[in-house]
Amino acid sequence: MASTSASVGPKKRKAPSRTTAKHHPASAPPKSRIGRVSATTAVGVEVTPINPEHDPIVVSFPRGVPASIATTSDSDEIATNSPPPRFTCSKLKESSSRGRVISGEDDDCTYTASAQGRGHDGRLTKVYVGIYNKKSKTLKLVPAAEKGTVFALEQKVKGYTPNVVNGSLLIGGGAQTQNNDVGVSTTGTVSAANQVQLLVESFGSRKKQKVMASRAANKVNIHSVVGSGDVMMKSVTKQEGISAENKKKIEEGGGTKLNANDAALEQARMKLLPPYDINADAPSKVYNAQLISGDAAWDQVSRIVEKVLKTKESENDPDWIDALLGKNKSHRPQSITNLLSTIHPTTPKKTNKGGGGGGGANYRIKVAFFLFLTLKFHTKLQRKNGVIEGATLDDCITELYVPHDVAARLIELFASEMDGPNNGYVMSKQQKSKLTAHILILFVIASGNEMKVSSINQLCRDIKLDEKEAMLFLREAGFTVKKSGGGDIGVSLSVPLTFPPPKRGKRT
């Protein structure tokens, strides 16, 4: 078998290979430095309906996260090994399902917070807790308890006693004592006002010292007060050191007194009637329709009315009433049609936000249109026994077939949230009387600046109101009501505004 052999000689060096360098522009780094870009992943979103028994409770710590649950990344302090606080949730009232109380404690502090649970409060956002599942790639949104309430926990330190007792500051934190004339050691106290006086005298500027001296001069000396009424006022004004301005205010305001009966009557009147100006110098200034409707509802009514009038004017169409109230006259209150037929609209002009309208023709149309929507609200609740059912406020507004801002204002004025398991709003007997009074007053406002109406009989028939009851409501509002021989009930308002005296019950 022939053997093969290879000759071994000196190794030859290989010539260096010529490579061309690739240029990387500044905008594009080398490929080795570029990370992988993950592709977009579709995520399913699931929104859980409201469940008061299982909805999570969201809390916040306005005074800082407790040290027992804080981490070194959350706080500059080192996290302690003490157990975290434990919380309990309970009803605000045992008799009501609304409202919750959150309470908790740890080794150092106690935490409390509560929510009244008054329902919709006008918030445009709600709080949801998001839970992301990486495996199923779904995002679950769970509504927070009490319709998205964030409970701000009030923190109190255990065993802490403030250095204030009955409005007085303990000198030296309550540790300093002093001997009285008898020789008994007592804790030295000084009132908060005297403490401020001492600080200003020691460190305050001359201007501040003069202010404190003026306050001290205007203090009423109790020994100068003798008797009551005018005698007391004269004794106070004769006291030395009181300023002339304070004397004048005491003399001017000393005669205005309000007894308990008048105060209770005034409070009851404010719950029934819309806002009024008792010092108005003209009948049209006593009641203001814009204050009744509110800014948001008034703006919405103004936009609708001005758009209708502008469109009908460009089309030379005189039937603006049908365009405003709808062509179905069977669903239209006859009293509103009669009222609008007496008004001749003018070219709509841009009104400043918050303006009253001046009582012109367009202002009267806006008041009449707001009254028309109020009558729709009244009719709807009358058919449903004063109940509006719905899971949310928006659901209740949808049931009313009234513009959103107007419906929200009417619910705010004349309904309250239902108690118990049912969701919605209900109108009480007192709120029904309030709604009736507002309807009657709005009708008079829409009739003109003179605040006079020759007959309210058709309006009473439209809202199924007894005429005697309507006369009683208007007299309570300060109107003069007269019934003619033909049975028409005329109404007028004069200034100064006067209300009837309270009625006394019959003695038994």
Protein backbone atom coordinates (compact mmCIF):
# COMPACT_ATOMS: atom_id res chain seq x y z
CA MET A 1 0.00 0.00 0.00
CA ALA A 2 1.62 3.21 -1.09
CA SER A 3 2.07 5.73 1.56
CA THR A 4 1.39 9.37 0.93
CA SER A 5 3.46 12.10 2.40
CA ALA A 6 3.10 15.87 2.45
CA SER A 7 6.04 18.16 2.32
CA VAL A 8 6.32 20.57 5.17
CA GLY A 9 7.79 23.93 4.37
CA PRO A 10 7.67 27.51 5.68
CA LYS A 11 4.10 28.88 5.89
CA LYS A 12 3.22 31.67 3.56
CA ARG A 13 1.50 34.71 4.98
CA LYS A 14 -1.88 35.46 3.49
CA ALA A 15 -2.37 38.85 1.97
CA PRO A 16 -4.71 41.01 3.97
CA SER A 17 -8.20 40.98 2.52
CA ARG A 18 -9.47 44.26 1.30
CA THR A 19 -12.83 45.15 2.91
CA THR A 20 -14.92 48.21 2.20
CA ALA A 21 -16.14 50.08 5.31
CA LYS A 22 -19.85 50.74 5.41
CA HIS A 23 -20.95 54.23 6.42
CA HIS A 24 -23.69 54.46 9.10
CA PRO A 25 -25.56 57.75 8.97
CA ALA A 26 -26.14 59.57 12.22
CA SER A 27 -29.86 59.00 12.04
CA ALA A 28 -29.49 55.23 11.81
CA PRO A 29 -27.35 53.58 14.50
CA PRO A 30 -25.67 50.24 13.87
CA LYS A 31 -27.97 47.24 13.75
CA SER A 32 -26.40 45.79 16.88
CA ARG A 33 -27.67 48.77 18.90
CA ILE A 34 -31.24 48.67 17.67
CA GLY A 35 -33.63 46.74 19.96
CA ARG A 36 -36.47 44.67 18.69
CA VAL A 37 -39.72 46.57 18.27
CA SER A 38 -42.65 44.62 19.61
CA ALA A 39 -45.69 44.39 17.38
CA THR A 40 -49.00 46.00 18.33
CA THR A 41 -51.20 43.64 20.30
CA ALA A 42 -54.96 43.78 20.30
CA VAL A 43 -56.39 44.05 23.82
CA GLY A 44 -59.98 43.28 24.68
CA VAL A 45 -61.70 45.69 27.04
CA GLU A 46 -64.42 44.53 29.40
CA VAL A 47 -66.44 47.04 31.45
CA THR A 48 -68.06 45.57 34.54
CA PRO A 49 -71.51 46.95 35.50
CA ILE A 50 -72.01 48.67 38.84
CA ASN A 51 -72.30 46.27 41.76
CA PRO A 52 -72.38 48.08 45.13
CA GLU A 53 -71.60 44.87 47.04
CA HIS A 54 -68.41 44.01 45.14
CA ASP A 55 -67.10 47.27 43.65
CA PRO A 56 -63.56 48.10 44.88
CA ILE A 57 -63.03 51.02 47.24
CA VAL A 58 -60.45 53.59 46.15
CA VAL A 59 -58.72 55.57 48.89
CA SER A 60 -56.07 58.28 49.01
CA PHE A 61 -53.68 59.51 51.68
CA PRO A 62 -53.58 63.34 51.49
CA ARG A 63 -51.05 63.50 54.37
CA GLY A 64 -48.72 60.93 52.88
CA VAL A 65 -48.58 57.17 52.52
CA PRO A 66 -48.22 55.38 55.89
CA ALA A 67 -44.73 54.18 56.68
CA SER A 68 -46.03 50.65 57.15
CA ILE A 69 -46.96 50.31 53.46
CA ALA A 70 -44.45 52.75 51.95
CA THR A 71 -41.44 51.43 50.06
CA THR A 72 -38.03 52.99 49.68
CA SER A 73 -38.96 54.07 46.16
CA ASP A 74 -42.13 55.84 47.36
CA SER A 75 -40.55 57.73 50.22
CA ASP A 76 -37.21 59.06 51.29
CA GLU A 77 -37.64 57.31 54.63
CA ILE A 78 -36.77 53.68 55.20
CA ALA A 79 -39.80 51.42 55.18
CA THR A 80 -40.64 49.98 58.58
CA ASN A 81 -41.49 46.41 59.41
CA SER A 82 -44.72 47.29 61.19
CA PRO A 83 -47.88 45.62 59.85
CA PRO A 84 -49.93 47.61 57.31
CA PRO A 85 -53.19 49.27 58.39
CA ARG A 86 -56.36 47.21 58.32
CA PHE A 87 -59.58 48.81 57.11
CA THR A 88 -63.27 48.15 57.60
CA CYS A 89 -66.23 49.41 55.56
CA SER A 90 -69.70 50.02 56.97
CA LYS A 91 -72.91 51.86 56.15
CA LEU A 92 -73.18 55.53 56.97
CA LYS A 93 -76.68 54.91 58.32
CA GLU A 94 -78.26 51.59 59.11
CA SER A 95 -81.62 52.76 57.77
CA SER A 96 -80.23 53.78 54.35
CA SER A 97 -78.24 51.96 51.67
CA ARG A 98 -76.50 55.17 50.58
CA GLY A 99 -73.19 56.32 51.99
CA ARG A 100 -70.18 54.47 53.41
CA VAL A 101 -67.68 54.93 56.21
CA ILE A 102 -64.09 53.71 55.83
CA SER A 103 -62.06 53.32 59.01
CA GLY A 104 -58.69 51.74 59.70
CA GLU A 105 -55.70 51.80 61.99
CA ASP A 106 -52.15 50.62 62.36
CA ASP A 107 -49.66 50.78 65.19
CA ASP A 108 -49.26 54.56 64.98
CA CYS A 109 -52.30 56.18 63.34
CA THR A 110 -56.02 55.93 62.67
CA TYR A 111 -57.62 56.64 59.30
CA THR A 112 -61.25 57.63 58.60
CA ALA A 113 -63.22 58.79 55.57
CA SER A 114 -66.87 58.85 54.56
CA ALA A 115 -69.11 59.55 51.56
CA GLN A 116 -72.72 60.72 51.74
CA GLY A 117 -73.77 58.79 48.65
CA ARG A 118 -76.02 61.52 47.31
CA GLY A 119 -75.97 60.07 43.80
CA HIS A 120 -75.09 62.08 40.71
CA ASP A 121 -73.07 65.15 41.66
CA GLY A 122 -72.34 66.62 38.25
CA ARG A 123 -68.94 64.98 37.75
CA LEU A 124 -67.96 64.44 34.13
CA THR A 125 -65.50 61.64 34.98
CA LYS A 126 -65.76 58.51 37.09
CA VAL A 127 -63.05 56.36 38.63
CA TYR A 128 -62.52 52.83 37.33
CA VAL A 129 -59.97 50.25 38.48
CA GLY A 130 -58.19 48.56 35.55
CA ILE A 131 -57.00 44.93 35.78
CA TYR A 132 -54.86 43.67 32.88
CA ASN A 133 -54.57 39.93 32.23
CA LYS A 134 -51.37 39.17 30.28
CA LYS A 135 -52.38 35.65 29.39
CA SER A 136 -55.79 36.42 27.94
CA LYS A 137 -54.73 39.96 26.88
CA THR A 138 -57.85 41.54 28.31
CA LEU A 139 -58.32 44.74 30.29
CA LYS A 140 -61.11 44.58 32.85
CA LEU A 141 -62.50 47.94 34.06
CA VAL A 142 -64.32 47.78 37.40
CA PRO A 143 -66.18 50.90 38.66
CA ALA A 144 -65.07 52.22 42.03
CA ALA A 145 -67.52 52.16 44.91
CA GLU A 146 -70.01 54.97 45.52
CA LYS A 147 -70.09 55.92 41.83
CA GLY A 148 -66.39 56.59 41.53
CA THR A 149 -65.68 58.19 44.88
CA VAL A 150 -62.09 58.50 46.07
CA PHE A 151 -62.13 58.35 49.86
CA ALA A 152 -59.60 60.87 51.22
CA LEU A 153 -58.49 59.36 54.53
CA GLU A 154 -58.10 61.69 57.48
CA GLN A 155 -55.07 60.68 59.48
CA LYS A 156 -54.71 61.06 63.25
CA VAL A 157 -51.77 60.05 65.41
CA LYS A 158 -52.61 57.84 68.37
CA GLY A 159 -51.92 59.27 71.79
CA TYR A 160 -51.34 62.83 70.50
CA THR A 161 -52.77 65.61 72.68
CA PRO A 162 -52.81 69.12 71.17
CA ASN A 163 -51.50 72.06 73.16
CA VAL A 164 -54.83 73.86 72.96
CA VAL A 165 -57.47 73.51 75.66
CA ASN A 166 -60.84 75.26 75.16
CA GLY A 167 -59.31 77.71 72.73
CA SER A 168 -56.33 78.53 74.98
CA LEU A 169 -52.72 77.65 74.28
CA LEU A 170 -50.78 75.93 77.02
CA ILE A 171 -47.54 77.75 77.76
CA GLY A 172 -44.54 75.53 77.06
CA GLY A 173 -46.70 72.72 75.73
CA GLY A 174 -48.54 72.32 79.02
CA ALA A 175 -45.42 71.36 81.00
CA GLN A 176 -44.82 74.74 82.60
CA THR A 177 -46.59 75.47 85.89
CA GLN A 178 -46.90 78.55 87.98
CA ASN A 179 -47.87 79.23 91.61
CA ASN A 180 -50.98 81.19 92.32
CA ASP A 181 -51.71 83.35 95.38
CA VAL A 182 -52.78 80.33 97.39
CA GLY A 183 -49.58 78.49 96.57
CA VAL A 184 -51.12 75.76 94.43
CA SER A 185 -49.20 74.85 91.29
CA THR A 186 -51.36 75.18 88.16
CA THR A 187 -50.72 74.95 84.46
CA GLY A 188 -50.12 78.35 82.90
CA THR A 189 -52.46 79.15 80.00
CA VAL A 190 -52.84 82.12 77.72
CA SER A 191 -55.59 82.71 75.17
CA ALA A 192 -54.83 82.56 71.48
CA ALA A 193 -55.59 86.26 71.03
CA ASN A 194 -53.24 87.24 73.83
CA GLN A 195 -50.59 84.94 72.40
CA VAL A 196 -50.81 86.77 69.07
CA GLN A 197 -50.64 90.08 70.92
CA LEU A 198 -47.44 89.01 72.68
CA LEU A 199 -45.85 87.86 69.44
CA VAL A 200 -46.69 91.10 67.62
CA GLU A 201 -45.38 93.24 70.48
CA SER A 202 -42.12 91.31 70.45
CA PHE A 203 -41.48 90.74 66.73
CA GLY A 204 -44.12 92.67 64.74
CA SER A 205 -43.61 95.82 62.71
CA ARG A 206 -44.93 99.20 63.76
CA LYS A 207 -47.77 98.96 61.26
CA LYS A 208 -48.86 95.61 62.66
CA GLN A 209 -48.59 96.92 66.22
CA LYS A 210 -50.92 99.82 65.32
CA VAL A 211 -53.46 97.36 63.88
CA MET A 212 -53.37 95.30 67.08
CA ALA A 213 -53.77 98.46 69.18
CA SER A 214 -56.83 99.44 67.10
CA ARG A 215 -58.37 95.99 67.68
CA ALA A 216 -57.80 96.25 71.39
CA ALA A 217 -59.43 99.70 71.45
CA ASN A 218 -62.55 98.39 69.66
CA LYS A 219 -63.22 95.61 72.17
CA VAL A 220 -66.51 95.98 74.02
CA ASN A 221 -66.11 96.12 77.76
CA ILE A 222 -68.76 93.92 79.36
CA HIS A 223 -68.96 96.23 82.37
CA SER A 224 -70.15 99.03 80.10
CA VAL A 225 -73.20 96.99 78.98
CA VAL A 226 -76.24 97.72 81.11
CA GLY A 227 -79.72 96.35 80.45
CA SER A 228 -80.78 95.42 76.92
CA GLY A 229 -82.13 96.91 73.70
CA ASP A 230 -81.60 100.65 73.22
CA VAL A 231 -80.05 101.03 76.67
CA MET A 232 -77.37 98.49 75.80
CA MET A 233 -76.65 100.15 72.46
CA LYS A 234 -76.24 103.56 74.09
CA SER A 235 -73.95 102.13 76.75
CA VAL A 236 -71.75 100.49 74.13
CA THR A 237 -71.47 103.61 71.99
CA LYS A 238 -70.51 105.70 75.04
CA GLN A 239 -67.58 103.43 75.83
CA GLU A 240 -64.21 105.11 75.52
CA GLY A 241 -61.80 103.98 72.81
CA ILE A 242 -64.35 102.59 70.32
CA SER A 243 -63.92 104.00 66.80
CA ALA A 244 -66.41 106.34 65.16
CA GLU A 245 -66.97 103.92 62.27
CA ASN A 246 -67.94 101.09 64.60
CA LYS A 247 -70.27 103.41 66.50
CA LYS A 248 -72.03 104.30 63.25
CA LYS A 249 -72.45 100.64 62.27
CA ILE A 250 -73.87 99.77 65.69
CA GLU A 251 -76.37 102.64 65.52
CA GLU A 252 -77.46 101.72 61.97
CA GLY A 253 -77.78 97.98 62.55
CA GLY A 254 -79.13 98.03 66.07
CA GLY A 255 -82.78 98.33 65.09
CA THR A 256 -82.98 95.35 62.68
CA LYS A 257 -84.28 92.34 64.56
CA LEU A 258 -85.96 89.14 63.38
CA ASN A 259 -87.85 86.94 65.76
CA ALA A 260 -87.99 83.17 65.54
CA ASN A 261 -91.46 83.03 63.94
CA ASP A 262 -90.55 85.43 61.15
CA ALA A 263 -87.31 83.54 60.52
CA ALA A 264 -89.16 80.22 60.24
CA LEU A 265 -91.75 81.77 57.89
CA GLU A 266 -89.01 83.25 55.70
CA GLN A 267 -87.26 79.89 55.51
CA ALA A 268 -90.47 78.12 54.49
CA ARG A 269 -91.15 80.79 51.85
CA MET A 270 -87.67 80.34 50.34
CA LYS A 271 -88.28 76.59 49.98
CA LEU A 272 -91.48 77.24 48.00
CA LEU A 273 -90.72 80.30 45.85
CA PRO A 274 -87.96 81.04 43.35
CA PRO A 275 -85.29 83.64 44.23
CA TYR A 276 -86.78 87.12 44.65
CA ASP A 277 -85.56 90.67 45.27
CA ILE A 278 -87.60 92.17 48.06
CA ASN A 279 -85.98 95.60 47.48
CA ALA A 280 -86.76 95.73 43.74
CA ASP A 281 -87.94 99.09 42.39
CA ALA A 282 -89.99 97.58 39.52
CA PRO A 283 -92.31 94.55 39.32
CA SER A 284 -90.25 92.97 36.51
CA LYS A 285 -87.15 92.94 38.75
CA VAL A 286 -88.71 90.96 41.60
CA TYR A 287 -88.48 87.55 39.91
CA ASN A 288 -85.90 86.62 37.26
CA ALA A 289 -86.50 83.71 34.91
CA GLN A 290 -82.78 83.22 34.29
CA LEU A 291 -82.12 82.71 37.99
CA ILE A 292 -84.87 80.10 38.01
CA SER A 293 -83.52 78.19 35.00
CA GLY A 294 -79.81 78.50 35.80
CA ASP A 295 -77.07 79.53 33.38
CA ALA A 296 -76.64 76.19 31.59
CA ALA A 297 -80.37 75.64 30.94
CA TRP A 298 -80.89 79.28 29.97
CA ASP A 299 -78.04 79.12 27.45
CA GLN A 300 -79.53 75.99 25.87
CA VAL A 301 -83.00 77.58 25.67
CA SER A 302 -81.50 80.74 24.15
CA ARG A 303 -79.64 78.80 21.46
CA ILE A 304 -82.78 76.89 20.44
CA VAL A 305 -85.01 79.97 20.32
CA GLU A 306 -82.49 82.15 18.44
CA LYS A 307 -81.85 79.42 15.89
CA VAL A 308 -85.58 78.96 15.19
CA LEU A 309 -86.23 82.69 14.89
CA LYS A 310 -83.23 83.23 12.62
CA THR A 311 -84.21 80.33 10.33
CA LYS A 312 -87.84 81.39 10.04
CA GLU A 313 -86.87 84.98 9.36
CA SER A 314 -84.62 83.93 6.45
CA GLU A 315 -87.42 81.76 5.05
CA ASN A 316 -90.10 84.46 5.60
CA ASP A 317 -92.14 81.82 7.45
CA PRO A 318 -94.57 83.24 10.04
CA ASP A 319 -95.23 79.81 11.61
CA TRP A 320 -92.32 80.07 14.05
CA ILE A 321 -94.51 78.79 16.89
CA ASP A 322 -94.92 75.40 15.18
CA ALA A 323 -91.20 75.22 14.56
CA LEU A 324 -90.48 75.97 18.20
CA LEU A 325 -93.12 73.82 19.92
CA GLY A 326 -93.65 71.13 17.30
CA LYS A 327 -96.35 70.63 14.69
CA ASN A 328 -98.34 68.18 16.81
CA LYS A 329 -100.73 70.65 18.42
CA SER A 330 -102.51 67.95 20.40
CA HIS A 331 -99.47 67.61 22.68
CA ARG A 332 -99.11 71.38 23.07
CA PRO A 333 -100.58 73.23 26.08
CA GLN A 334 -103.15 75.72 24.86
CA SER A 335 -102.01 78.32 27.38
CA ILE A 336 -98.48 78.38 25.83
CA THR A 337 -99.90 78.72 22.31
CA ASN A 338 -102.12 81.62 23.40
CA LEU A 339 -99.18 83.27 25.16
CA LEU A 340 -96.78 83.02 22.20
CA SER A 341 -99.43 84.28 19.75
CA THR A 342 -99.39 87.63 21.57
CA ILE A 343 -95.61 88.05 21.14
CA HIS A 344 -94.07 89.45 17.96
CA PRO A 345 -90.44 88.34 17.73
CA THR A 346 -87.66 90.61 16.55
CA THR A 347 -84.37 89.87 14.84
CA PRO A 348 -82.36 87.77 17.34
CA LYS A 349 -79.19 89.41 18.55
CA LYS A 350 -76.28 87.91 20.43
CA THR A 351 -76.86 88.38 24.13
CA ASN A 352 -74.14 88.49 26.71
CA LYS A 353 -73.86 85.41 28.88
CA GLY A 354 -75.63 86.09 32.12
CA GLY A 355 -77.81 88.89 30.71
CA GLY A 356 -81.43 88.98 31.73
CA GLY A 357 -82.71 89.91 28.29
CA GLY A 358 -84.32 93.19 29.37
CA GLY A 359 -87.90 91.86 29.18
CA GLY A 360 -88.16 92.27 25.37
CA ALA A 361 -90.06 90.09 22.93
CA ASN A 362 -87.28 87.54 22.48
CA TYR A 363 -86.76 87.34 26.24
CA ARG A 364 -90.46 86.60 26.69
CA ILE A 365 -90.25 83.87 24.03
CA LYS A 366 -87.34 82.26 25.86
CA VAL A 367 -89.25 82.34 29.15
CA ALA A 368 -92.33 80.88 27.46
CA PHE A 369 -90.26 78.11 25.85
CA PHE A 370 -88.63 77.24 29.19
CA LEU A 371 -92.14 77.19 30.68
CA PHE A 372 -93.25 74.85 27.87
CA LEU A 373 -90.42 72.43 28.73
CA THR A 374 -91.30 72.71 32.42
CA LEU A 375 -94.90 71.77 31.62
CA LYS A 376 -93.65 68.69 29.72
CA PHE A 377 -91.65 67.74 32.81
CA HIS A 378 -94.75 68.31 34.99
CA THR A 379 -96.97 66.20 32.72
CA LYS A 380 -94.45 63.35 32.58
CA LEU A 381 -94.17 63.12 36.37
CA GLN A 382 -97.91 63.50 36.77
CA ARG A 383 -98.47 60.42 34.61
CA LYS A 384 -95.83 58.38 36.46
CA ASN A 385 -96.95 59.35 39.97
CA GLY A 386 -93.92 61.57 40.49
CA VAL A 387 -91.30 58.89 39.76
CA ILE A 388 -88.54 58.90 37.13
CA GLU A 389 -86.83 55.53 36.85
CA GLY A 390 -83.31 55.10 35.51
CA ALA A 391 -79.93 53.69 36.48
CA THR A 392 -78.20 57.05 36.02
CA LEU A 393 -79.18 60.69 35.67
CA ASP A 394 -78.71 60.51 31.90
CA ASP A 395 -81.14 57.59 31.73
CA CYS A 396 -83.72 59.64 33.66
CA ILE A 397 -83.20 62.63 31.36
CA THR A 398 -83.78 60.41 28.31
CA GLU A 399 -87.18 59.39 29.74
CA LEU A 400 -88.29 63.05 29.96
CA TYR A 401 -87.81 64.02 26.27
CA VAL A 402 -86.53 67.43 27.37
CA PRO A 403 -83.17 69.04 26.40
CA HIS A 404 -80.37 67.73 28.59
CA ASP A 405 -79.37 70.87 30.50
CA VAL A 406 -82.99 71.90 31.07
CA ALA A 407 -83.95 68.44 32.32
CA ALA A 408 -80.95 68.33 34.66
CA ARG A 409 -81.98 71.68 36.15
CA LEU A 410 -85.61 70.62 36.60
CA ILE A 411 -84.57 67.39 38.34
CA GLU A 412 -82.23 69.37 40.57
CA LEU A 413 -85.02 71.76 41.61
CA PHE A 414 -88.06 69.51 41.86
CA ALA A 415 -86.91 65.92 42.52
CA SER A 416 -84.61 63.95 44.80
CA GLU A 417 -82.86 60.61 44.49
CA MET A 418 -84.84 57.52 45.45
CA ASP A 419 -83.94 55.49 48.51
CA GLY A 420 -83.73 51.72 48.56
CA PRO A 421 -82.89 49.25 45.80
CA ASN A 422 -84.68 51.21 43.02
CA ASN A 423 -82.69 53.73 40.96
CA GLY A 424 -84.14 57.04 39.84
CA TYR A 425 -85.71 60.22 41.18
CA VAL A 426 -88.97 60.99 42.93
CA MET A 427 -90.91 64.22 43.46
CA SER A 428 -92.28 64.73 46.96
CA LYS A 429 -95.47 66.58 47.84
CA GLN A 430 -93.50 69.65 48.91
CA GLN A 431 -91.51 69.61 45.65
CA LYS A 432 -94.75 69.31 43.68
CA SER A 433 -96.04 72.47 45.36
CA LYS A 434 -92.75 74.18 44.59
CA LEU A 435 -93.05 73.18 40.91
CA THR A 436 -96.60 74.54 40.75
CA ALA A 437 -95.55 77.87 42.23
CA HIS A 438 -92.67 78.17 39.75
CA ILE A 439 -94.97 77.43 36.78
CA LEU A 440 -97.44 80.14 37.80
CA ILE A 441 -94.69 82.73 38.33
CA LEU A 442 -92.98 81.88 35.02
CA PHE A 443 -96.30 82.35 33.21
CA VAL A 444 -96.64 85.86 34.65
CA ILE A 445 -93.02 86.71 33.76
CA ALA A 446 -93.56 85.60 30.15
CA SER A 447 -96.65 87.82 29.90
CA GLY A 448 -94.62 91.05 29.96
CA ASN A 449 -92.77 93.63 32.01
CA GLU A 450 -95.97 94.84 33.68
CA MET A 451 -96.26 91.48 35.48
CA LYS A 452 -100.01 91.43 34.85
CA VAL A 453 -102.16 88.62 33.49
CA SER A 454 -105.85 88.96 32.74
CA SER A 455 -106.57 85.24 33.13
CA ILE A 456 -104.71 82.14 34.32
CA ASN A 457 -107.70 79.84 33.92
CA GLN A 458 -106.38 78.06 30.81
CA LEU A 459 -103.02 77.41 32.49
CA CYS A 460 -104.82 75.86 35.48
CA ARG A 461 -106.72 73.57 33.12
CA ASP A 462 -103.50 72.56 31.33
CA ILE A 463 -101.77 71.46 34.54
CA LYS A 464 -104.99 70.19 36.18
CA LEU A 465 -104.69 72.66 39.07
CA ASP A 466 -107.58 73.79 41.20
CA GLU A 467 -108.21 77.52 40.75
CA LYS A 468 -108.46 78.21 44.49
CA GLU A 469 -105.12 76.48 45.04
CA ALA A 470 -103.54 78.56 42.25
CA MET A 471 -104.82 81.76 43.85
CA LEU A 472 -103.32 80.68 47.18
CA PHE A 473 -99.90 80.01 45.62
CA LEU A 474 -99.81 83.40 43.89
CA ARG A 475 -100.85 85.29 47.01
CA GLU A 476 -98.07 83.57 48.94
CA ALA A 477 -95.65 84.83 46.27
CA GLY A 478 -96.74 88.45 46.83
CA PHE A 479 -99.17 88.76 43.89
CA THR A 480 -102.55 90.44 43.96
CA VAL A 481 -105.21 88.00 42.73
CA LYS A 482 -108.74 88.99 41.75
CA LYS A 483 -111.57 86.97 40.25
CA SER A 484 -113.92 88.72 37.87
CA GLY A 485 -117.65 88.20 37.56
CA GLY A 486 -117.09 86.01 34.53
CA GLY A 487 -114.80 83.70 36.49
CA ASP A 488 -111.47 84.87 35.04
CA ILE A 489 -108.63 85.03 37.59
CA GLY A 490 -106.47 88.13 37.09
CA VAL A 491 -102.98 88.43 38.57
CA SER A 492 -100.71 91.44 39.10
CA LEU A 493 -97.54 92.27 41.02
CA SER A 494 -96.57 95.62 42.55
CA VAL A 495 -93.63 97.00 44.49
CA PRO A 496 -92.56 97.18 47.22
CA LEU A 497 -92.98 93.42 47.50
CA THR A 498 -95.15 92.42 50.44
CA PHE A 499 -96.09 88.94 51.59
CA PRO A 500 -99.31 88.01 53.39
CA PRO A 501 -99.16 87.53 57.16
CA PRO A 502 -99.05 83.97 58.49
CA LYS A 503 -102.37 82.26 59.03
CA ARG A 504 -103.19 81.20 62.56
CA GLY A 505 -104.99 77.97 63.18
CA LYS A 506 -108.39 77.89 64.82
CA ARG A 507 -108.48 77.35 68.54
CA THR A 508 -109.94 74.08 69.65
